[in-house]
Structure formats: C-alpha cells, structure tokens
Amino acid sequence: MGTNVGSIEVAVPVEVAYDQWTTLPTYPAFMDDVECVKRLGNGRYRWVTRISGVEREFESKVAEHIPA
C-alpha cells in the first residue's frame, strides 16, 4: 500500500480545527470513505468505511484526549 503525505493550511483558529478532528461522528461529512461513526460511550466508537467498494466495520477507543 502506498503512502500519501501532504499538508493543507486552513484559515481557522487551532481550537476550531482541533474540535473538528476530535468530533469523530462528523467524519462522514468530509471524508468520502467514512460512511458512519457512532459513539458507543466510554470513549468507544463504531466505524463503517467503504474503501474501493469494500465495506469494513471496526471499533476504536480514544485512549487519551488532550485539548488544544
């Protein structure tokens, strides 16, 4: 699998950008391959993705959250 590296500058305060990236259920609004992120509680989330036509479901857990 290849690696994609790049950067984008956005004209928003760092707090706004941080809030967007740490609000996982909003990912489907701006990430094409993420179909759903559901909060399960206790820092756990269930994800549904579809990449190259292949659907995958998995759970993640936020181990540490350090506000910006």
PDB file of N, CA and C in Angstrom:
ATOM      1  N   MET A   1       0.850  -1.164   0.000  1.00  0.00           N
ATOM      2  CA  MET A   1       0.000   0.000   0.000  1.00  0.00           C
ATOM      3  C   MET A   1       0.902   1.236   0.000  1.00  0.00           C
ATOM      4  N   GLY A   2       0.564   2.234  -0.799  1.00  0.00           N
ATOM      5  CA  GLY A   2       1.347   3.456  -0.887  1.00  0.00           C
ATOM      6  C   GLY A   2       1.112   4.391   0.275  1.00  0.00           C
ATOM      7  N   THR A   3       1.972   5.367   0.365  1.00  0.00           N
ATOM      8  CA  THR A   3       1.857   6.373   1.416  1.00  0.00           C
ATOM      9  C   THR A   3       1.589   7.717   0.769  1.00  0.00           C
ATOM     10  N   ASN A   4       0.638   8.434   1.320  1.00  0.00           N
ATOM     11  CA  ASN A   4       0.288   9.752   0.834  1.00  0.00           C
ATOM     12  C   ASN A   4       0.691  10.763   1.904  1.00  0.00           C
ATOM     13  N   VAL A   5       1.532  11.724   1.544  1.00  0.00           N
ATOM     14  CA  VAL A   5       1.977  12.719   2.506  1.00  0.00           C
ATOM     15  C   VAL A   5       1.699  14.101   1.928  1.00  0.00           C
ATOM     16  N   GLY A   6       1.167  14.985   2.753  1.00  0.00           N
ATOM     17  CA  GLY A   6       0.898  16.338   2.288  1.00  0.00           C
ATOM     18  C   GLY A   6       0.432  17.195   3.446  1.00  0.00           C
ATOM     19  N   SER A   7       0.186  18.446   3.152  1.00  0.00           N
ATOM     20  CA  SER A   7      -0.323  19.341   4.189  1.00  0.00           C
ATOM     21  C   SER A   7      -1.247  20.358   3.553  1.00  0.00           C
ATOM     22  N   ILE A   8      -2.157  20.861   4.369  1.00  0.00           N
ATOM     23  CA  ILE A   8      -3.108  21.883   3.949  1.00  0.00           C
ATOM     24  C   ILE A   8      -3.198  22.904   5.066  1.00  0.00           C
ATOM     25  N   GLU A   9      -3.134  24.165   4.716  1.00  0.00           N
ATOM     26  CA  GLU A   9      -3.335  25.225   5.701  1.00  0.00           C
ATOM     27  C   GLU A   9      -4.790  25.666   5.643  1.00  0.00           C
ATOM     28  N   VAL A  10      -5.396  25.790   6.809  1.00  0.00           N
ATOM     29  CA  VAL A  10      -6.788  26.247   6.885  1.00  0.00           C
ATOM     30  C   VAL A  10      -6.840  27.523   7.715  1.00  0.00           C
ATOM     31  N   ALA A  11      -7.699  28.418   7.307  1.00  0.00           N
ATOM     32  CA  ALA A  11      -7.782  29.728   7.962  1.00  0.00           C
ATOM     33  C   ALA A  11      -8.820  29.711   9.085  1.00  0.00           C
ATOM     34  N   VAL A  12      -8.560  28.886  10.099  1.00  0.00           N
ATOM     35  CA  VAL A  12      -9.426  28.848  11.278  1.00  0.00           C
ATOM     36  C   VAL A  12      -8.538  28.797  12.519  1.00  0.00           C
ATOM     37  N   PRO A  13      -9.056  29.231  13.650  1.00  0.00           N
ATOM     38  CA  PRO A  13      -8.284  29.104  14.886  1.00  0.00           C
ATOM     39  C   PRO A  13      -7.997  27.631  15.187  1.00  0.00           C
ATOM     40  N   VAL A  14      -6.878  27.362  15.840  1.00  0.00           N
ATOM     41  CA  VAL A  14      -6.482  25.989  16.133  1.00  0.00           C
ATOM     42  C   VAL A  14      -7.564  25.252  16.915  1.00  0.00           C
ATOM     43  N   GLU A  15      -8.303  25.935  17.769  1.00  0.00           N
ATOM     44  CA  GLU A  15      -9.358  25.297  18.558  1.00  0.00           C
ATOM     45  C   GLU A  15     -10.466  24.760  17.653  1.00  0.00           C
ATOM     46  N   VAL A  16     -10.794  25.502  16.603  1.00  0.00           N
ATOM     47  CA  VAL A  16     -11.844  25.078  15.664  1.00  0.00           C
ATOM     48  C   VAL A  16     -11.382  23.828  14.908  1.00  0.00           C
ATOM     49  N   ALA A  17     -10.161  23.844  14.412  1.00  0.00           N
ATOM     50  CA  ALA A  17      -9.625  22.685  13.697  1.00  0.00           C
ATOM     51  C   ALA A  17      -9.555  21.465  14.626  1.00  0.00           C
ATOM     52  N   TYR A  18      -9.091  21.661  15.840  1.00  0.00           N
ATOM     53  CA  TYR A  18      -8.987  20.561  16.805  1.00  0.00           C
ATOM     54  C   TYR A  18     -10.361  19.968  17.100  1.00  0.00           C
ATOM     55  N   ASP A  19     -11.355  20.835  17.327  1.00  0.00           N
ATOM     56  CA  ASP A  19     -12.710  20.350  17.600  1.00  0.00           C
ATOM     57  C   ASP A  19     -13.243  19.514  16.442  1.00  0.00           C
ATOM     58  N   GLN A  20     -12.959  19.940  15.209  1.00  0.00           N
ATOM     59  CA  GLN A  20     -13.425  19.184  14.037  1.00  0.00           C
ATOM     60  C   GLN A  20     -12.795  17.799  13.997  1.00  0.00           C
ATOM     61  N   TRP A  21     -11.489  17.722  14.215  1.00  0.00           N
ATOM     62  CA  TRP A  21     -10.782  16.441  14.131  1.00  0.00           C
ATOM     63  C   TRP A  21     -11.082  15.513  15.301  1.00  0.00           C
ATOM     64  N   THR A  22     -11.542  16.049  16.420  1.00  0.00           N
ATOM     65  CA  THR A  22     -11.822  15.197  17.576  1.00  0.00           C
ATOM     66  C   THR A  22     -13.307  14.883  17.734  1.00  0.00           C
ATOM     67  N   THR A  23     -14.144  15.367  16.829  1.00  0.00           N
ATOM     68  CA  THR A  23     -15.567  15.038  16.827  1.00  0.00           C
ATOM     69  C   THR A  23     -15.765  13.967  15.756  1.00  0.00           C
ATOM     70  N   LEU A  24     -15.449  12.733  16.108  1.00  0.00           N
ATOM     71  CA  LEU A  24     -15.404  11.639  15.147  1.00  0.00           C
ATOM     72  C   LEU A  24     -16.714  11.400  14.394  1.00  0.00           C
ATOM     73  N   PRO A  25     -17.898  11.535  15.018  1.00  0.00           N
ATOM     74  CA  PRO A  25     -19.132  11.294  14.262  1.00  0.00           C
ATOM     75  C   PRO A  25     -19.355  12.264  13.084  1.00  0.00           C
ATOM     76  N   THR A  26     -18.599  13.364  13.009  1.00  0.00           N
ATOM     77  CA  THR A  26     -18.751  14.282  11.867  1.00  0.00           C
ATOM     78  C   THR A  26     -17.888  13.874  10.676  1.00  0.00           C
ATOM     79  N   TYR A  27     -17.034  12.868  10.822  1.00  0.00           N
ATOM     80  CA  TYR A  27     -16.133  12.474   9.735  1.00  0.00           C
ATOM     81  C   TYR A  27     -16.834  12.170   8.409  1.00  0.00           C
ATOM     82  N   PRO A  28     -18.009  11.509   8.403  1.00  0.00           N
ATOM     83  CA  PRO A  28     -18.645  11.239   7.112  1.00  0.00           C
ATOM     84  C   PRO A  28     -18.971  12.507   6.305  1.00  0.00           C
ATOM     85  N   ALA A  29     -19.073  13.644   6.959  1.00  0.00           N
ATOM     86  CA  ALA A  29     -19.384  14.891   6.250  1.00  0.00           C
ATOM     87  C   ALA A  29     -18.218  15.388   5.398  1.00  0.00           C
ATOM     88  N   PHE A  30     -16.995  14.980   5.734  1.00  0.00           N
ATOM     89  CA  PHE A  30     -15.851  15.489   4.976  1.00  0.00           C
ATOM     90  C   PHE A  30     -14.834  14.415   4.564  1.00  0.00           C
ATOM     91  N   MET A  31     -15.114  13.165   4.900  1.00  0.00           N
ATOM     92  CA  MET A  31     -14.229  12.067   4.473  1.00  0.00           C
ATOM     93  C   MET A  31     -15.059  11.070   3.664  1.00  0.00           C
ATOM     94  N   ASP A  32     -14.807  11.020   2.372  1.00  0.00           N
ATOM     95  CA  ASP A  32     -15.623  10.226   1.457  1.00  0.00           C
ATOM     96  C   ASP A  32     -15.703   8.743   1.813  1.00  0.00           C
ATOM     97  N   ASP A  33     -14.644   8.162   2.316  1.00  0.00           N
ATOM     98  CA  ASP A  33     -14.620   6.721   2.577  1.00  0.00           C
ATOM     99  C   ASP A  33     -15.220   6.323   3.922  1.00  0.00           C
ATOM    100  N   VAL A  34     -15.570   7.304   4.753  1.00  0.00           N
ATOM    101  CA  VAL A  34     -16.173   7.010   6.057  1.00  0.00           C
ATOM    102  C   VAL A  34     -17.679   7.170   5.920  1.00  0.00           C
ATOM    103  N   GLU A  35     -18.399   6.071   6.107  1.00  0.00           N
ATOM    104  CA  GLU A  35     -19.852   6.104   5.968  1.00  0.00           C
ATOM    105  C   GLU A  35     -20.556   6.447   7.276  1.00  0.00           C
ATOM    106  N   CYS A  36     -19.996   5.997   8.409  1.00  0.00           N
ATOM    107  CA  CYS A  36     -20.665   6.219   9.688  1.00  0.00           C
ATOM    108  C   CYS A  36     -19.658   6.062  10.822  1.00  0.00           C
ATOM    109  N   VAL A  37     -19.756   6.942  11.806  1.00  0.00           N
ATOM    110  CA  VAL A  37     -19.008   6.786  13.053  1.00  0.00           C
ATOM    111  C   VAL A  37     -20.021   7.011  14.174  1.00  0.00           C
ATOM    112  N   LYS A  38     -20.247   5.976  14.969  1.00  0.00           N
ATOM    113  CA  LYS A  38     -21.247   6.051  16.032  1.00  0.00           C
ATOM    114  C   LYS A  38     -20.561   5.982  17.392  1.00  0.00           C
ATOM    115  N   ARG A  39     -20.900   6.925  18.253  1.00  0.00           N
ATOM    116  CA  ARG A  39     -20.369   6.950  19.623  1.00  0.00           C
ATOM    117  C   ARG A  39     -21.048   5.843  20.432  1.00  0.00           C
ATOM    118  N   LEU A  40     -20.249   4.987  21.056  1.00  0.00           N
ATOM    119  CA  LEU A  40     -20.772   3.886  21.861  1.00  0.00           C
ATOM    120  C   LEU A  40     -20.714   4.182  23.356  1.00  0.00           C
ATOM    121  N   GLY A  41     -19.948   5.196  23.749  1.00  0.00           N
ATOM    122  CA  GLY A  41     -19.778   5.515  25.161  1.00  0.00           C
ATOM    123  C   GLY A  41     -18.409   5.084  25.650  1.00  0.00           C
ATOM    124  N   ASN A  42     -17.970   5.665  26.744  1.00  0.00           N
ATOM    125  CA  ASN A  42     -16.677   5.346  27.344  1.00  0.00           C
ATOM    126  C   ASN A  42     -15.519   5.508  26.361  1.00  0.00           C
ATOM    127  N   GLY A  43     -15.621   6.497  25.461  1.00  0.00           N
ATOM    128  CA  GLY A  43     -14.547   6.754  24.510  1.00  0.00           C
ATOM    129  C   GLY A  43     -14.474   5.771  23.355  1.00  0.00           C
ATOM    130  N   ARG A  44     -15.496   4.914  23.210  1.00  0.00           N
ATOM    131  CA  ARG A  44     -15.507   3.907  22.140  1.00  0.00           C
ATOM    132  C   ARG A  44     -16.389   4.369  20.982  1.00  0.00           C
ATOM    133  N   TYR A  45     -15.982   3.971  19.771  1.00  0.00           N
ATOM    134  CA  TYR A  45     -16.708   4.338  18.553  1.00  0.00           C
ATOM    135  C   TYR A  45     -16.783   3.141  17.621  1.00  0.00           C
ATOM    136  N   ARG A  46     -17.896   3.022  16.901  1.00  0.00           N
ATOM    137  CA  ARG A  46     -18.034   2.011  15.846  1.00  0.00           C
ATOM    138  C   ARG A  46     -17.985   2.747  14.520  1.00  0.00           C
ATOM    139  N   TRP A  47     -17.087   2.283  13.647  1.00  0.00           N
ATOM    140  CA  TRP A  47     -16.863   2.884  12.333  1.00  0.00           C
ATOM    141  C   TRP A  47     -17.382   1.953  11.238  1.00  0.00           C
ATOM    142  N   VAL A  48     -17.912   2.562  10.174  1.00  0.00           N
ATOM    143  CA  VAL A  48     -18.221   1.847   8.947  1.00  0.00           C
ATOM    144  C   VAL A  48     -17.534   2.622   7.832  1.00  0.00           C
ATOM    145  N   THR A  49     -16.655   1.943   7.097  1.00  0.00           N
ATOM    146  CA  THR A  49     -15.948   2.572   5.986  1.00  0.00           C
ATOM    147  C   THR A  49     -16.208   1.775   4.710  1.00  0.00           C
ATOM    148  N   ARG A  50     -16.059   2.444   3.584  1.00  0.00           N
ATOM    149  CA  ARG A  50     -16.139   1.770   2.292  1.00  0.00           C
ATOM    150  C   ARG A  50     -15.005   2.324   1.441  1.00  0.00           C
ATOM    151  N   ILE A  51     -13.982   1.498   1.260  1.00  0.00           N
ATOM    152  CA  ILE A  51     -12.789   1.902   0.511  1.00  0.00           C
ATOM    153  C   ILE A  51     -12.656   0.989  -0.695  1.00  0.00           C
ATOM    154  N   SER A  52     -12.642   1.578  -1.866  1.00  0.00           N
ATOM    155  CA  SER A  52     -12.572   0.824  -3.131  1.00  0.00           C
ATOM    156  C   SER A  52     -13.675  -0.224  -3.196  1.00  0.00           C
ATOM    157  N   GLY A  53     -14.861   0.135  -2.708  1.00  0.00           N
ATOM    158  CA  GLY A  53     -16.010  -0.759  -2.769  1.00  0.00           C
ATOM    159  C   GLY A  53     -16.061  -1.822  -1.694  1.00  0.00           C
ATOM    160  N   VAL A  54     -15.076  -1.855  -0.804  1.00  0.00           N
ATOM    161  CA  VAL A  54     -15.033  -2.870   0.259  1.00  0.00           C
ATOM    162  C   VAL A  54     -15.456  -2.229   1.576  1.00  0.00           C
ATOM    163  N   GLU A  55     -16.539  -2.754   2.156  1.00  0.00           N
ATOM    164  CA  GLU A  55     -17.026  -2.224   3.432  1.00  0.00           C
ATOM    165  C   GLU A  55     -16.317  -2.906   4.583  1.00  0.00           C
ATOM    166  N   ARG A  56     -15.908  -2.102   5.545  1.00  0.00           N
ATOM    167  CA  ARG A  56     -15.264  -2.607   6.761  1.00  0.00           C
ATOM    168  C   ARG A  56     -15.932  -1.941   7.963  1.00  0.00           C
ATOM    169  N   GLU A  57     -16.112  -2.715   9.026  1.00  0.00           N
ATOM    170  CA  GLU A  57     -16.606  -2.189  10.293  1.00  0.00           C
ATOM    171  C   GLU A  57     -15.575  -2.510  11.363  1.00  0.00           C
ATOM    172  N   PHE A  58     -15.366  -1.550  12.255  1.00  0.00           N
ATOM    173  CA  PHE A  58     -14.436  -1.784  13.347  1.00  0.00           C
ATOM    174  C   PHE A  58     -14.765  -0.837  14.487  1.00  0.00           C
ATOM    175  N   GLU A  59     -14.211  -1.122  15.653  1.00  0.00           N
ATOM    176  CA  GLU A  59     -14.363  -0.253  16.815  1.00  0.00           C
ATOM    177  C   GLU A  59     -13.022   0.363  17.159  1.00  0.00           C
ATOM    178  N   SER A  60     -13.085   1.591  17.692  1.00  0.00           N
ATOM    179  CA  SER A  60     -11.886   2.253  18.185  1.00  0.00           C
ATOM    180  C   SER A  60     -12.170   2.790  19.578  1.00  0.00           C
ATOM    181  N   LYS A  61     -11.106   3.086  20.300  1.00  0.00           N
ATOM    182  CA  LYS A  61     -11.245   3.674  21.624  1.00  0.00           C
ATOM    183  C   LYS A  61     -10.239   4.810  21.746  1.00  0.00           C
ATOM    184  N   VAL A  62     -10.732   5.957  22.191  1.00  0.00           N
ATOM    185  CA  VAL A  62      -9.860   7.100  22.445  1.00  0.00           C
ATOM    186  C   VAL A  62      -9.162   6.850  23.765  1.00  0.00           C
ATOM    187  N   ALA A  63      -7.841   6.676  23.722  1.00  0.00           N
ATOM    188  CA  ALA A  63      -7.086   6.338  24.928  1.00  0.00           C
ATOM    189  C   ALA A  63      -6.758   7.589  25.738  1.00  0.00           C
ATOM    190  N   GLU A  64      -6.549   8.716  25.045  1.00  0.00           N
ATOM    191  CA  GLU A  64      -6.187   9.946  25.729  1.00  0.00           C
ATOM    192  C   GLU A  64      -6.670  11.114  24.896  1.00  0.00           C
ATOM    193  N   HIS A  65      -7.210  12.122  25.554  1.00  0.00           N
ATOM    194  CA  HIS A  65      -7.720  13.312  24.871  1.00  0.00           C
ATOM    195  C   HIS A  65      -7.104  14.537  25.553  1.00  0.00           C
ATOM    196  N   ILE A  66      -6.236  15.215  24.820  1.00  0.00           N
ATOM    197  CA  ILE A  66      -5.568  16.399  25.368  1.00  0.00           C
ATOM    198  C   ILE A  66      -6.048  17.611  24.576  1.00  0.00           C
ATOM    199  N   PRO A  67      -6.892  18.457  25.172  1.00  0.00           N
ATOM    200  CA  PRO A  67      -7.425  19.614  24.442  1.00  0.00           C
ATOM    201  C   PRO A  67      -6.333  20.525  23.925  1.00  0.00           C
ATOM    202  N   ALA A  68      -6.626  21.178  22.794  1.00  0.00           N
ATOM    203  CA  ALA A  68      -5.670  22.098  22.181  1.00  0.00           C
ATOM    204  C   ALA A  68      -5.457  23.308  23.056  1.00  0.00           C
TER     205      ALA A  68
END
